[in-house]
Amino acid sequence: MFRIPETVAELGKERIKGFPVEGFVYGEGPEKPDLMLVGEAPGEFEIIEGIPFIGRAGKELMQSLASIGLSREDVYITSAVRSRPYRWGTKKERDGTLTERKYNRPPTTKEIWAHAPVLDYELAHVEPLLIVTLGNVGLQRLLGKEAKVTNLHGKLIESQVNFLPTPDSIHYVKTTRTFRIIPTFHPASVFYRPSHRPSIEEDWRNIGKALVKLKNKEK
């Protein structure tokens, strides 16, 4: 199993201090997996357990993996940001009282930049046959803001990806290495947009077919 060095984790924790985020979840999976999955950020349950994708979205993701004969143990799961971004909101309890609680939110551009060295290290050391981005955050972290999951989902892309040449760099540059990427929607999208489910299922069929071709090439 692959795990980033503590020095890399500590760098990420230090860089994101001062932002409204909490906790830190490590990437999880083998060093040379079939797939590397790049999400956006952990949520409430992931922070508590320290395991990526274990909530409702995680169950959806595991079903997608199972549809192509894979399980959590076969893939490397990571995200653009490793701490949970949150916002404070008001929840009305059954007795009518109002309580303040933390809600998940998408990470900001600055938060993604803060944790860029963590994902950069994984991209340099994990050797997947294929990267699957889950939603726009992971996709745009790798390919840039012009990349949209609605336009690219299910398509095999061979491209260099963004990384920070030094931790102090303000702008991303492109890697010399080319990666194979298939974007798809974030598994949580089916909860607020059920119409995405057929597209997600088709995307995963395409991912399965691409893996078969890539494995045959390596033989």
N, C-alpha and C. Protein backbone atom coordinates (compact mmCIF):
# COMPACT_ATOMS: atom_id res chain seq x y z
N MET A 1 0.84 -1.20 0.00
CA MET A 1 0.00 0.00 0.00
C MET A 1 0.88 1.25 0.00
N PHE A 2 0.44 2.26 -0.75
CA PHE A 2 1.22 3.49 -0.86
C PHE A 2 0.71 4.51 0.15
N ARG A 3 1.63 5.24 0.77
CA ARG A 3 1.27 6.31 1.69
C ARG A 3 2.28 7.44 1.53
N ILE A 4 1.79 8.65 1.42
CA ILE A 4 2.70 9.78 1.27
C ILE A 4 3.55 9.92 2.53
N PRO A 5 4.79 10.41 2.39
CA PRO A 5 5.63 10.63 3.57
C PRO A 5 5.00 11.68 4.49
N GLU A 6 5.32 11.59 5.78
CA GLU A 6 4.78 12.55 6.74
C GLU A 6 5.24 13.97 6.43
N THR A 7 6.43 14.11 5.84
CA THR A 7 6.90 15.45 5.49
C THR A 7 5.98 16.12 4.47
N VAL A 8 5.45 15.32 3.54
CA VAL A 8 4.52 15.86 2.53
C VAL A 8 3.18 16.20 3.17
N ALA A 9 2.71 15.30 4.06
CA ALA A 9 1.46 15.57 4.75
C ALA A 9 1.56 16.82 5.61
N GLU A 10 2.66 16.97 6.33
CA GLU A 10 2.84 18.14 7.19
C GLU A 10 2.92 19.42 6.38
N LEU A 11 3.53 19.35 5.19
CA LEU A 11 3.57 20.52 4.32
C LEU A 11 2.15 20.94 3.93
N GLY A 12 1.33 19.95 3.57
CA GLY A 12 -0.06 20.26 3.21
C GLY A 12 -0.83 20.85 4.37
N LYS A 13 -0.64 20.29 5.57
CA LYS A 13 -1.34 20.81 6.75
C LYS A 13 -0.92 22.23 7.07
N GLU A 14 0.37 22.50 6.92
CA GLU A 14 0.87 23.84 7.22
C GLU A 14 0.35 24.86 6.21
N ARG A 15 0.32 24.49 4.93
CA ARG A 15 -0.08 25.42 3.87
C ARG A 15 -1.56 25.79 3.96
N ILE A 16 -2.37 24.92 4.54
CA ILE A 16 -3.81 25.17 4.54
C ILE A 16 -4.29 25.78 5.86
N LYS A 17 -3.36 26.05 6.77
CA LYS A 17 -3.74 26.70 8.02
C LYS A 17 -4.38 28.05 7.76
N GLY A 18 -5.40 28.36 8.53
CA GLY A 18 -6.08 29.63 8.38
C GLY A 18 -7.30 29.58 7.49
N PHE A 19 -7.44 28.51 6.71
CA PHE A 19 -8.64 28.32 5.89
C PHE A 19 -9.72 27.61 6.72
N PRO A 20 -11.00 27.82 6.40
CA PRO A 20 -12.07 27.12 7.12
C PRO A 20 -12.18 25.66 6.68
N VAL A 21 -11.22 24.87 7.14
CA VAL A 21 -11.19 23.44 6.84
C VAL A 21 -10.83 22.71 8.13
N GLU A 22 -11.03 21.39 8.14
CA GLU A 22 -10.66 20.61 9.32
C GLU A 22 -10.17 19.24 8.91
N GLY A 23 -9.27 18.68 9.73
CA GLY A 23 -8.79 17.33 9.55
C GLY A 23 -7.85 17.18 8.37
N PHE A 24 -7.46 15.93 8.14
CA PHE A 24 -6.59 15.59 7.01
C PHE A 24 -6.77 14.11 6.72
N VAL A 25 -7.11 13.78 5.49
CA VAL A 25 -7.32 12.38 5.08
C VAL A 25 -6.24 12.00 4.08
N TYR A 26 -5.54 10.92 4.35
CA TYR A 26 -4.50 10.44 3.45
C TYR A 26 -5.12 9.71 2.26
N GLY A 27 -4.42 9.74 1.12
CA GLY A 27 -4.80 8.89 0.01
C GLY A 27 -4.65 7.43 0.41
N GLU A 28 -5.34 6.56 -0.28
CA GLU A 28 -5.37 5.16 0.12
C GLU A 28 -5.38 4.25 -1.10
N GLY A 29 -4.49 3.25 -1.10
CA GLY A 29 -4.50 2.28 -2.18
C GLY A 29 -3.12 1.77 -2.53
N PRO A 30 -3.04 0.85 -3.49
CA PRO A 30 -1.75 0.28 -3.89
C PRO A 30 -0.91 1.26 -4.69
N GLU A 31 0.38 0.97 -4.78
CA GLU A 31 1.32 1.87 -5.46
C GLU A 31 1.18 1.82 -6.97
N LYS A 32 0.83 0.66 -7.53
CA LYS A 32 0.67 0.54 -8.98
C LYS A 32 -0.72 -0.02 -9.29
N PRO A 33 -1.75 0.81 -9.09
CA PRO A 33 -3.13 0.35 -9.26
C PRO A 33 -3.60 0.44 -10.70
N ASP A 34 -4.69 -0.22 -11.00
CA ASP A 34 -5.34 -0.02 -12.30
C ASP A 34 -5.84 1.42 -12.41
N LEU A 35 -6.48 1.88 -11.33
CA LEU A 35 -7.09 3.20 -11.35
C LEU A 35 -6.59 4.06 -10.20
N MET A 36 -6.44 5.35 -10.47
CA MET A 36 -6.27 6.36 -9.45
C MET A 36 -7.49 7.28 -9.54
N LEU A 37 -8.23 7.39 -8.46
CA LEU A 37 -9.43 8.21 -8.44
C LEU A 37 -9.13 9.54 -7.76
N VAL A 38 -9.47 10.65 -8.40
CA VAL A 38 -9.20 11.98 -7.85
C VAL A 38 -10.53 12.69 -7.62
N GLY A 39 -10.92 12.83 -6.36
CA GLY A 39 -12.13 13.54 -6.00
C GLY A 39 -11.85 15.00 -5.67
N GLU A 40 -12.78 15.63 -4.91
CA GLU A 40 -12.58 17.04 -4.60
C GLU A 40 -12.05 17.27 -3.20
N ALA A 41 -12.69 16.71 -2.16
CA ALA A 41 -12.26 16.91 -0.78
C ALA A 41 -13.05 15.96 0.10
N PRO A 42 -12.51 15.60 1.27
CA PRO A 42 -13.28 14.75 2.18
C PRO A 42 -14.45 15.50 2.79
N GLY A 43 -15.43 14.73 3.25
CA GLY A 43 -16.58 15.30 3.94
C GLY A 43 -16.55 14.94 5.42
N GLU A 44 -17.68 15.12 6.06
CA GLU A 44 -17.78 14.92 7.51
C GLU A 44 -17.38 13.51 7.93
N PHE A 45 -17.91 12.49 7.27
CA PHE A 45 -17.65 11.11 7.68
C PHE A 45 -16.21 10.70 7.40
N GLU A 46 -15.67 11.18 6.28
CA GLU A 46 -14.29 10.86 5.93
C GLU A 46 -13.31 11.41 6.96
N ILE A 47 -13.60 12.61 7.46
CA ILE A 47 -12.72 13.22 8.46
C ILE A 47 -12.77 12.44 9.77
N ILE A 48 -13.95 11.98 10.14
CA ILE A 48 -14.09 11.22 11.39
C ILE A 48 -13.34 9.90 11.32
N GLU A 49 -13.48 9.19 10.20
CA GLU A 49 -12.88 7.86 10.06
C GLU A 49 -11.48 7.88 9.47
N GLY A 50 -11.12 8.98 8.81
CA GLY A 50 -9.81 9.06 8.18
C GLY A 50 -9.68 8.20 6.93
N ILE A 51 -10.81 7.90 6.29
CA ILE A 51 -10.84 7.04 5.10
C ILE A 51 -11.59 7.78 3.99
N PRO A 52 -11.03 7.84 2.78
CA PRO A 52 -11.72 8.56 1.69
C PRO A 52 -12.96 7.81 1.19
N PHE A 53 -13.99 8.57 0.85
CA PHE A 53 -15.21 8.04 0.22
C PHE A 53 -15.85 6.89 1.02
N ILE A 54 -16.34 7.23 2.21
CA ILE A 54 -17.04 6.20 2.99
C ILE A 54 -18.50 6.56 3.27
N GLY A 55 -18.94 7.75 2.89
CA GLY A 55 -20.33 8.14 3.11
C GLY A 55 -21.24 7.65 1.99
N ARG A 56 -22.34 8.33 1.77
CA ARG A 56 -23.30 7.94 0.72
C ARG A 56 -22.63 7.95 -0.64
N ALA A 57 -21.82 8.98 -0.90
CA ALA A 57 -21.12 9.04 -2.18
C ALA A 57 -20.15 7.88 -2.32
N GLY A 58 -19.55 7.48 -1.21
CA GLY A 58 -18.64 6.33 -1.23
C GLY A 58 -19.34 5.05 -1.64
N LYS A 59 -20.57 4.86 -1.17
CA LYS A 59 -21.33 3.66 -1.55
C LYS A 59 -21.62 3.66 -3.05
N GLU A 60 -21.97 4.83 -3.58
CA GLU A 60 -22.19 4.94 -5.02
C GLU A 60 -20.91 4.61 -5.79
N LEU A 61 -19.79 5.13 -5.30
CA LEU A 61 -18.51 4.90 -5.96
C LEU A 61 -18.14 3.42 -5.93
N MET A 62 -18.37 2.76 -4.81
CA MET A 62 -18.04 1.33 -4.71
C MET A 62 -18.90 0.50 -5.67
N GLN A 63 -20.15 0.91 -5.87
CA GLN A 63 -21.01 0.22 -6.84
C GLN A 63 -20.47 0.40 -8.25
N SER A 64 -19.99 1.59 -8.56
CA SER A 64 -19.41 1.85 -9.89
C SER A 64 -18.17 1.00 -10.09
N LEU A 65 -17.31 0.92 -9.08
CA LEU A 65 -16.12 0.08 -9.18
C LEU A 65 -16.50 -1.39 -9.37
N ALA A 66 -17.48 -1.83 -8.60
CA ALA A 66 -17.91 -3.23 -8.70
C ALA A 66 -18.45 -3.55 -10.09
N SER A 67 -19.03 -2.55 -10.76
CA SER A 67 -19.60 -2.79 -12.08
C SER A 67 -18.54 -3.14 -13.12
N ILE A 68 -17.27 -2.80 -12.82
CA ILE A 68 -16.18 -3.16 -13.75
C ILE A 68 -15.20 -4.14 -13.07
N GLY A 69 -15.68 -4.80 -12.03
CA GLY A 69 -14.90 -5.86 -11.41
C GLY A 69 -13.81 -5.42 -10.47
N LEU A 70 -13.91 -4.20 -9.93
CA LEU A 70 -12.90 -3.69 -9.02
C LEU A 70 -13.50 -3.40 -7.65
N SER A 71 -12.64 -3.33 -6.64
CA SER A 71 -13.06 -2.97 -5.29
C SER A 71 -12.16 -1.86 -4.77
N ARG A 72 -12.47 -1.37 -3.60
CA ARG A 72 -11.67 -0.31 -2.97
C ARG A 72 -10.20 -0.70 -2.89
N GLU A 73 -9.92 -1.97 -2.61
CA GLU A 73 -8.54 -2.42 -2.42
C GLU A 73 -7.73 -2.39 -3.72
N ASP A 74 -8.41 -2.32 -4.87
CA ASP A 74 -7.72 -2.36 -6.17
C ASP A 74 -7.29 -0.99 -6.66
N VAL A 75 -7.83 0.08 -6.07
CA VAL A 75 -7.64 1.42 -6.63
C VAL A 75 -6.99 2.34 -5.60
N TYR A 76 -6.37 3.40 -6.11
CA TYR A 76 -5.83 4.43 -5.23
C TYR A 76 -6.80 5.59 -5.23
N ILE A 77 -7.28 5.97 -4.04
CA ILE A 77 -8.28 7.02 -3.91
C ILE A 77 -7.65 8.25 -3.25
N THR A 78 -7.79 9.38 -3.90
CA THR A 78 -7.25 10.62 -3.36
C THR A 78 -8.17 11.77 -3.74
N SER A 79 -7.74 13.00 -3.47
CA SER A 79 -8.57 14.16 -3.80
C SER A 79 -7.70 15.40 -3.94
N ALA A 80 -8.27 16.43 -4.55
CA ALA A 80 -7.53 17.67 -4.76
C ALA A 80 -7.18 18.35 -3.45
N VAL A 81 -8.09 18.27 -2.47
CA VAL A 81 -7.89 18.82 -1.14
C VAL A 81 -8.09 17.71 -0.12
N ARG A 82 -7.25 17.65 0.91
CA ARG A 82 -7.27 16.53 1.85
C ARG A 82 -7.94 16.85 3.17
N SER A 83 -8.27 18.12 3.39
CA SER A 83 -9.00 18.54 4.58
C SER A 83 -10.43 18.87 4.19
N ARG A 84 -11.32 18.78 5.15
CA ARG A 84 -12.74 19.04 4.86
C ARG A 84 -13.04 20.53 4.84
N PRO A 85 -13.42 21.09 3.68
CA PRO A 85 -13.88 22.48 3.66
C PRO A 85 -15.31 22.53 4.23
N TYR A 86 -15.56 23.49 5.08
CA TYR A 86 -16.89 23.57 5.68
C TYR A 86 -17.37 25.02 5.73
N ARG A 87 -18.67 25.14 5.92
CA ARG A 87 -19.29 26.44 6.19
C ARG A 87 -20.25 26.25 7.35
N TRP A 88 -20.44 27.29 8.13
CA TRP A 88 -21.40 27.22 9.22
C TRP A 88 -22.80 27.51 8.69
N GLY A 89 -23.75 26.74 9.19
CA GLY A 89 -25.14 26.94 8.80
C GLY A 89 -26.06 26.63 9.97
N THR A 90 -27.32 26.96 9.80
CA THR A 90 -28.31 26.74 10.85
C THR A 90 -29.20 25.57 10.49
N LYS A 91 -29.38 24.68 11.45
CA LYS A 91 -30.25 23.53 11.26
C LYS A 91 -31.41 23.60 12.26
N LYS A 92 -32.62 23.38 11.75
CA LYS A 92 -33.80 23.38 12.61
C LYS A 92 -34.05 21.97 13.12
N GLU A 93 -34.03 21.80 14.44
CA GLU A 93 -34.25 20.50 15.04
C GLU A 93 -35.74 20.17 15.08
N ARG A 94 -36.05 18.92 15.43
CA ARG A 94 -37.46 18.49 15.45
C ARG A 94 -38.29 19.27 16.47
N ASP A 95 -37.64 19.71 17.54
CA ASP A 95 -38.40 20.46 18.55
C ASP A 95 -38.49 21.94 18.22
N GLY A 96 -37.99 22.32 17.05
CA GLY A 96 -38.08 23.71 16.61
C GLY A 96 -36.90 24.57 16.95
N THR A 97 -35.98 24.08 17.76
CA THR A 97 -34.81 24.86 18.11
C THR A 97 -33.83 24.92 16.94
N LEU A 98 -33.06 25.98 16.89
CA LEU A 98 -32.07 26.17 15.84
C LEU A 98 -30.68 25.91 16.39
N THR A 99 -29.90 25.13 15.67
CA THR A 99 -28.53 24.85 16.09
C THR A 99 -27.58 25.18 14.95
N GLU A 100 -26.40 25.64 15.32
CA GLU A 100 -25.36 25.92 14.34
C GLU A 100 -24.54 24.65 14.10
N ARG A 101 -24.28 24.35 12.85
CA ARG A 101 -23.48 23.17 12.53
C ARG A 101 -22.66 23.43 11.26
N LYS A 102 -21.67 22.56 11.06
CA LYS A 102 -20.82 22.66 9.88
C LYS A 102 -21.42 21.88 8.73
N TYR A 103 -21.37 22.47 7.53
CA TYR A 103 -21.82 21.80 6.32
C TYR A 103 -20.66 21.71 5.33
N ASN A 104 -20.64 20.64 4.54
CA ASN A 104 -19.63 20.51 3.50
C ASN A 104 -19.81 21.60 2.45
N ARG A 105 -18.72 21.98 1.81
CA ARG A 105 -18.77 22.91 0.68
C ARG A 105 -17.61 22.56 -0.25
N PRO A 106 -17.67 23.00 -1.50
CA PRO A 106 -16.56 22.76 -2.42
C PRO A 106 -15.32 23.54 -1.97
N PRO A 107 -14.14 23.02 -2.22
CA PRO A 107 -12.92 23.76 -1.87
C PRO A 107 -12.72 24.96 -2.79
N THR A 108 -12.07 25.98 -2.27
CA THR A 108 -11.77 27.17 -3.07
C THR A 108 -10.49 26.95 -3.88
N THR A 109 -10.25 27.85 -4.81
CA THR A 109 -9.02 27.78 -5.61
C THR A 109 -7.78 27.84 -4.73
N LYS A 110 -7.79 28.69 -3.72
CA LYS A 110 -6.64 28.82 -2.82
C LYS A 110 -6.44 27.57 -1.98
N GLU A 111 -7.51 26.92 -1.59
CA GLU A 111 -7.39 25.69 -0.81
C GLU A 111 -6.84 24.55 -1.67
N ILE A 112 -7.26 24.51 -2.93
CA ILE A 112 -6.72 23.52 -3.86
C ILE A 112 -5.23 23.76 -4.07
N TRP A 113 -4.85 25.03 -4.22
CA TRP A 113 -3.44 25.38 -4.37
C TRP A 113 -2.64 24.98 -3.12
N ALA A 114 -3.23 25.19 -1.94
CA ALA A 114 -2.52 24.86 -0.70
C ALA A 114 -2.15 23.39 -0.62
N HIS A 115 -3.01 22.53 -1.10
CA HIS A 115 -2.75 21.09 -1.03
C HIS A 115 -2.20 20.52 -2.33
N ALA A 116 -1.86 21.39 -3.28
CA ALA A 116 -1.32 20.92 -4.55
C ALA A 116 -0.07 20.05 -4.39
N PRO A 117 0.88 20.38 -3.50
CA PRO A 117 2.06 19.53 -3.38
C PRO A 117 1.76 18.09 -2.95
N VAL A 118 0.65 17.91 -2.24
CA VAL A 118 0.29 16.56 -1.80
C VAL A 118 -0.14 15.72 -3.01
N LEU A 119 -1.04 16.25 -3.81
CA LEU A 119 -1.47 15.51 -5.01
C LEU A 119 -0.32 15.39 -6.01
N ASP A 120 0.50 16.43 -6.11
CA ASP A 120 1.66 16.36 -7.01
C ASP A 120 2.56 15.18 -6.64
N TYR A 121 2.78 14.96 -5.36
CA TYR A 121 3.63 13.86 -4.93
C TYR A 121 3.02 12.52 -5.33
N GLU A 122 1.71 12.40 -5.16
CA GLU A 122 1.04 11.16 -5.55
C GLU A 122 1.12 10.93 -7.05
N LEU A 123 0.92 11.99 -7.82
CA LEU A 123 0.99 11.86 -9.28
C LEU A 123 2.38 11.41 -9.73
N ALA A 124 3.40 11.84 -8.98
CA ALA A 124 4.77 11.50 -9.34
C ALA A 124 5.17 10.09 -8.91
N HIS A 125 4.45 9.52 -7.91
CA HIS A 125 4.91 8.25 -7.35
C HIS A 125 3.93 7.09 -7.48
N VAL A 126 2.65 7.38 -7.54
CA VAL A 126 1.68 6.31 -7.81
C VAL A 126 1.69 6.09 -9.32
N GLU A 127 1.64 4.86 -9.75
CA GLU A 127 1.74 4.57 -11.19
C GLU A 127 0.48 3.84 -11.68
N PRO A 128 -0.63 4.56 -11.83
CA PRO A 128 -1.86 3.94 -12.30
C PRO A 128 -1.87 3.76 -13.81
N LEU A 129 -2.62 2.78 -14.27
CA LEU A 129 -2.83 2.69 -15.71
C LEU A 129 -3.69 3.84 -16.19
N LEU A 130 -4.63 4.26 -15.33
CA LEU A 130 -5.63 5.25 -15.74
C LEU A 130 -6.03 6.08 -14.53
N ILE A 131 -6.23 7.38 -14.74
CA ILE A 131 -6.76 8.27 -13.71
C ILE A 131 -8.22 8.56 -14.04
N VAL A 132 -9.08 8.46 -13.03
CA VAL A 132 -10.48 8.84 -13.18
C VAL A 132 -10.73 10.02 -12.26
N THR A 133 -11.13 11.16 -12.83
CA THR A 133 -11.47 12.33 -12.03
C THR A 133 -12.97 12.30 -11.73
N LEU A 134 -13.32 12.65 -10.52
CA LEU A 134 -14.70 12.58 -10.05
C LEU A 134 -15.22 14.01 -9.83
N GLY A 135 -15.87 14.56 -10.84
CA GLY A 135 -16.37 15.93 -10.75
C GLY A 135 -15.39 16.94 -11.31
N ASN A 136 -15.81 18.21 -11.33
CA ASN A 136 -15.02 19.26 -11.94
C ASN A 136 -13.77 19.64 -11.14
N VAL A 137 -13.83 19.53 -9.81
CA VAL A 137 -12.70 19.98 -9.01
C VAL A 137 -11.44 19.18 -9.33
N GLY A 138 -11.56 17.85 -9.30
CA GLY A 138 -10.41 17.02 -9.62
C GLY A 138 -9.97 17.18 -11.07
N LEU A 139 -10.93 17.26 -11.98
CA LEU A 139 -10.63 17.42 -13.40
C LEU A 139 -9.88 18.73 -13.66
N GLN A 140 -10.38 19.83 -13.13
CA GLN A 140 -9.77 21.13 -13.39
C GLN A 140 -8.45 21.30 -12.66
N ARG A 141 -8.28 20.61 -11.53
CA ARG A 141 -6.98 20.63 -10.86
C ARG A 141 -5.90 20.04 -11.78
N LEU A 142 -6.26 19.03 -12.55
CA LEU A 142 -5.29 18.38 -13.43
C LEU A 142 -5.16 19.07 -14.77
N LEU A 143 -6.27 19.49 -15.37
CA LEU A 143 -6.25 19.97 -16.75
C LEU A 143 -6.51 21.45 -16.91
N GLY A 144 -6.95 22.14 -15.87
CA GLY A 144 -7.20 23.57 -15.98
C GLY A 144 -8.68 23.91 -15.99
N LYS A 145 -8.97 25.19 -15.75
CA LYS A 145 -10.36 25.65 -15.59
C LYS A 145 -11.21 25.46 -16.84
N GLU A 146 -10.56 25.39 -17.98
CA GLU A 146 -11.34 25.26 -19.23
C GLU A 146 -11.94 23.86 -19.38
N ALA A 147 -11.44 22.90 -18.62
CA ALA A 147 -11.95 21.52 -18.71
C ALA A 147 -13.27 21.41 -17.94
N LYS A 148 -14.29 20.89 -18.58
CA LYS A 148 -15.61 20.76 -17.96
C LYS A 148 -16.06 19.30 -18.03
N VAL A 149 -16.51 18.76 -16.91
CA VAL A 149 -16.92 17.36 -16.88
C VAL A 149 -18.12 17.12 -17.79
N THR A 150 -18.99 18.12 -17.95
CA THR A 150 -20.15 17.95 -18.82
C THR A 150 -19.75 17.72 -20.27
N ASN A 151 -18.59 18.27 -20.67
CA ASN A 151 -18.11 18.11 -22.04
C ASN A 151 -17.21 16.90 -22.24
N LEU A 152 -16.52 16.49 -21.17
CA LEU A 152 -15.45 15.50 -21.32
C LEU A 152 -15.76 14.15 -20.68
N HIS A 153 -16.86 14.03 -19.96
CA HIS A 153 -17.10 12.79 -19.21
C HIS A 153 -17.14 11.58 -20.14
N GLY A 154 -16.48 10.53 -19.67
CA GLY A 154 -16.48 9.26 -20.41
C GLY A 154 -15.47 9.18 -21.53
N LYS A 155 -14.73 10.27 -21.78
CA LYS A 155 -13.77 10.29 -22.89
C LYS A 155 -12.35 10.06 -22.37
N LEU A 156 -11.58 9.27 -23.09
CA LEU A 156 -10.18 9.04 -22.74
C LEU A 156 -9.34 10.22 -23.22
N ILE A 157 -8.63 10.83 -22.28
CA ILE A 157 -7.78 11.98 -22.58
C ILE A 157 -6.34 11.60 -22.25
N GLU A 158 -5.44 11.84 -23.17
CA GLU A 158 -4.02 11.66 -22.89
C GLU A 158 -3.38 13.04 -22.86
N SER A 159 -2.89 13.44 -21.68
CA SER A 159 -2.47 14.82 -21.52
C SER A 159 -1.44 14.95 -20.41
N GLN A 160 -0.63 15.97 -20.51
CA GLN A 160 0.16 16.42 -19.37
C GLN A 160 -0.79 17.06 -18.37
N VAL A 161 -0.40 17.13 -17.11
CA VAL A 161 -1.28 17.68 -16.08
C VAL A 161 -0.57 18.80 -15.31
N ASN A 162 -1.36 19.56 -14.58
CA ASN A 162 -0.85 20.69 -13.81
C ASN A 162 -0.11 20.23 -12.55
N PHE A 163 0.98 20.90 -12.24
CA PHE A 163 1.63 20.72 -10.95
C PHE A 163 2.36 22.00 -10.58
N LEU A 164 2.68 22.14 -9.28
CA LEU A 164 3.45 23.28 -8.82
C LEU A 164 4.93 22.93 -8.87
N PRO A 165 5.74 23.68 -9.61
CA PRO A 165 7.16 23.36 -9.71
C PRO A 165 7.89 23.49 -8.38
N THR A 166 7.42 24.42 -7.52
CA THR A 166 7.94 24.54 -6.15
C THR A 166 6.76 24.90 -5.25
N PRO A 167 6.86 24.61 -3.95
CA PRO A 167 5.74 24.95 -3.05
C PRO A 167 5.39 26.43 -3.05
N ASP A 168 6.35 27.29 -3.37
CA ASP A 168 6.10 28.73 -3.36
C ASP A 168 5.55 29.25 -4.68
N SER A 169 5.46 28.39 -5.68
CA SER A 169 4.98 28.83 -6.99
C SER A 169 3.52 29.28 -6.92
N ILE A 170 3.22 30.32 -7.63
CA ILE A 170 1.84 30.83 -7.69
C ILE A 170 1.07 30.16 -8.82
N HIS A 171 1.76 29.83 -9.91
CA HIS A 171 1.10 29.28 -11.09
C HIS A 171 1.53 27.83 -11.32
N TYR A 172 0.57 27.05 -11.82
CA TYR A 172 0.86 25.67 -12.21
C TYR A 172 1.62 25.66 -13.53
N VAL A 173 2.40 24.61 -13.72
CA VAL A 173 3.00 24.32 -15.02
C VAL A 173 2.62 22.89 -15.39
N LYS A 174 2.93 22.49 -16.61
CA LYS A 174 2.56 21.16 -17.07
C LYS A 174 3.69 20.16 -16.81
N THR A 175 3.31 18.96 -16.47
CA THR A 175 4.29 17.89 -16.32
C THR A 175 4.89 17.53 -17.67
N THR A 176 6.06 16.93 -17.65
CA THR A 176 6.62 16.38 -18.89
C THR A 176 5.97 15.04 -19.20
N ARG A 177 5.52 14.36 -18.18
CA ARG A 177 4.89 13.05 -18.34
C ARG A 177 3.44 13.20 -18.81
N THR A 178 3.00 12.30 -19.64
CA THR A 178 1.62 12.26 -20.12
C THR A 178 0.83 11.24 -19.32
N PHE A 179 -0.36 11.62 -18.90
CA PHE A 179 -1.25 10.75 -18.14
C PHE A 179 -2.49 10.42 -18.96
N ARG A 180 -3.06 9.26 -18.69
CA ARG A 180 -4.34 8.88 -19.30
C ARG A 180 -5.43 9.16 -18.28
N ILE A 181 -6.45 9.91 -18.70
CA ILE A 181 -7.50 10.38 -17.79
C ILE A 181 -8.87 10.16 -18.43
N ILE A 182 -9.81 9.66 -17.64
CA ILE A 182 -11.22 9.65 -18.05
C ILE A 182 -12.00 10.38 -16.97
N PRO A 183 -12.59 11.54 -17.29
CA PRO A 183 -13.42 12.25 -16.31
C PRO A 183 -14.80 11.62 -16.20
N THR A 184 -15.38 11.71 -15.02
CA THR A 184 -16.80 11.38 -14.85
C THR A 184 -17.36 12.29 -13.76
N PHE A 185 -18.67 12.24 -13.59
CA PHE A 185 -19.31 13.08 -12.58
C PHE A 185 -18.98 12.56 -11.18
N HIS A 186 -19.02 13.46 -10.22
CA HIS A 186 -18.83 13.05 -8.83
C HIS A 186 -19.98 12.11 -8.44
N PRO A 187 -19.68 11.03 -7.71
CA PRO A 187 -20.76 10.09 -7.37
C PRO A 187 -21.90 10.72 -6.59
N ALA A 188 -21.62 11.79 -5.84
CA ALA A 188 -22.69 12.46 -5.08
C ALA A 188 -23.67 13.21 -5.98
N SER A 189 -23.31 13.42 -7.24
CA SER A 189 -24.18 14.21 -8.12
C SER A 189 -25.53 13.55 -8.33
N VAL A 190 -25.60 12.22 -8.18
CA VAL A 190 -26.89 11.54 -8.40
C VAL A 190 -27.90 11.88 -7.32
N PHE A 191 -27.45 12.40 -6.18
CA PHE A 191 -28.38 12.74 -5.11
C PHE A 191 -29.15 14.01 -5.41
N TYR A 192 -28.53 14.96 -6.10
CA TYR A 192 -29.23 16.21 -6.42
C TYR A 192 -29.55 16.32 -7.90
N ARG A 193 -29.02 15.41 -8.72
CA ARG A 193 -29.33 15.40 -10.14
C ARG A 193 -29.40 13.95 -10.62
N PRO A 194 -30.51 13.25 -10.32
CA PRO A 194 -30.63 11.83 -10.67
C PRO A 194 -30.45 11.56 -12.17
N SER A 195 -30.66 12.58 -12.99
CA SER A 195 -30.51 12.39 -14.44
C SER A 195 -29.07 12.08 -14.84
N HIS A 196 -28.12 12.28 -13.91
CA HIS A 196 -26.72 11.96 -14.20
C HIS A 196 -26.44 10.45 -14.15
N ARG A 197 -27.32 9.70 -13.52
CA ARG A 197 -27.00 8.28 -13.30
C ARG A 197 -26.73 7.51 -14.60
N PRO A 198 -27.55 7.62 -15.63
CA PRO A 198 -27.23 6.88 -16.86
C PRO A 198 -25.88 7.28 -17.46
N SER A 199 -25.54 8.57 -17.37
CA SER A 199 -24.24 9.02 -17.90
C SER A 199 -23.10 8.43 -17.08
N ILE A 200 -23.25 8.40 -15.78
CA ILE A 200 -22.21 7.84 -14.91
C ILE A 200 -22.04 6.35 -15.20
N GLU A 201 -23.13 5.64 -15.36
CA GLU A 201 -23.05 4.21 -15.65
C GLU A 201 -22.36 3.96 -16.99
N GLU A 202 -22.67 4.78 -17.98
CA GLU A 202 -22.01 4.66 -19.28
C GLU A 202 -20.53 5.02 -19.18
N ASP A 203 -20.22 6.05 -18.41
CA ASP A 203 -18.81 6.42 -18.21
C ASP A 203 -18.02 5.25 -17.63
N TRP A 204 -18.58 4.58 -16.65
CA TRP A 204 -17.87 3.48 -16.01
C TRP A 204 -17.72 2.28 -16.94
N ARG A 205 -18.68 2.09 -17.84
CA ARG A 205 -18.49 1.06 -18.86
C ARG A 205 -17.30 1.42 -19.75
N ASN A 206 -17.20 2.71 -20.10
CA ASN A 206 -16.06 3.16 -20.90
C ASN A 206 -14.75 3.00 -20.14
N ILE A 207 -14.77 3.27 -18.85
CA ILE A 207 -13.57 3.10 -18.02
C ILE A 207 -13.14 1.64 -18.01
N GLY A 208 -14.11 0.75 -17.85
CA GLY A 208 -13.80 -0.68 -17.86
C GLY A 208 -13.19 -1.13 -19.18
N LYS A 209 -13.76 -0.66 -20.29
CA LYS A 209 -13.23 -1.01 -21.62
C LYS A 209 -11.82 -0.46 -21.81
N ALA A 210 -11.60 0.78 -21.35
CA ALA A 210 -10.27 1.39 -21.49
C ALA A 210 -9.23 0.60 -20.71
N LEU A 211 -9.60 0.14 -19.52
CA LEU A 211 -8.66 -0.64 -18.71
C LEU A 211 -8.28 -1.94 -19.40
N VAL A 212 -9.25 -2.59 -19.99
CA VAL A 212 -8.97 -3.85 -20.70
C VAL A 212 -7.96 -3.60 -21.82
N LYS A 213 -8.17 -2.54 -22.59
CA LYS A 213 -7.25 -2.21 -23.69
C LYS A 213 -5.85 -1.89 -23.16
N LEU A 214 -5.80 -1.12 -22.07
CA LEU A 214 -4.49 -0.73 -21.52
C LEU A 214 -3.74 -1.94 -20.95
N LYS A 215 -4.47 -2.84 -20.33
CA LYS A 215 -3.82 -4.06 -19.81
C LYS A 215 -3.30 -4.94 -20.95
N ASN A 216 -4.07 -5.01 -22.01
CA ASN A 216 -3.63 -5.82 -23.17
C ASN A 216 -2.37 -5.24 -23.81
N LYS A 217 -2.28 -3.91 -23.80
CA LYS A 217 -1.09 -3.25 -24.35
C LYS A 217 0.18 -3.60 -23.56
N GLU A 218 -0.02 -3.77 -22.23
CA GLU A 218 1.13 -4.03 -21.37
C GLU A 218 1.62 -5.47 -21.43
N LYS A 219 0.81 -6.35 -21.99
CA LYS A 219 1.20 -7.77 -22.02
C LYS A 219 2.33 -8.00 -23.04
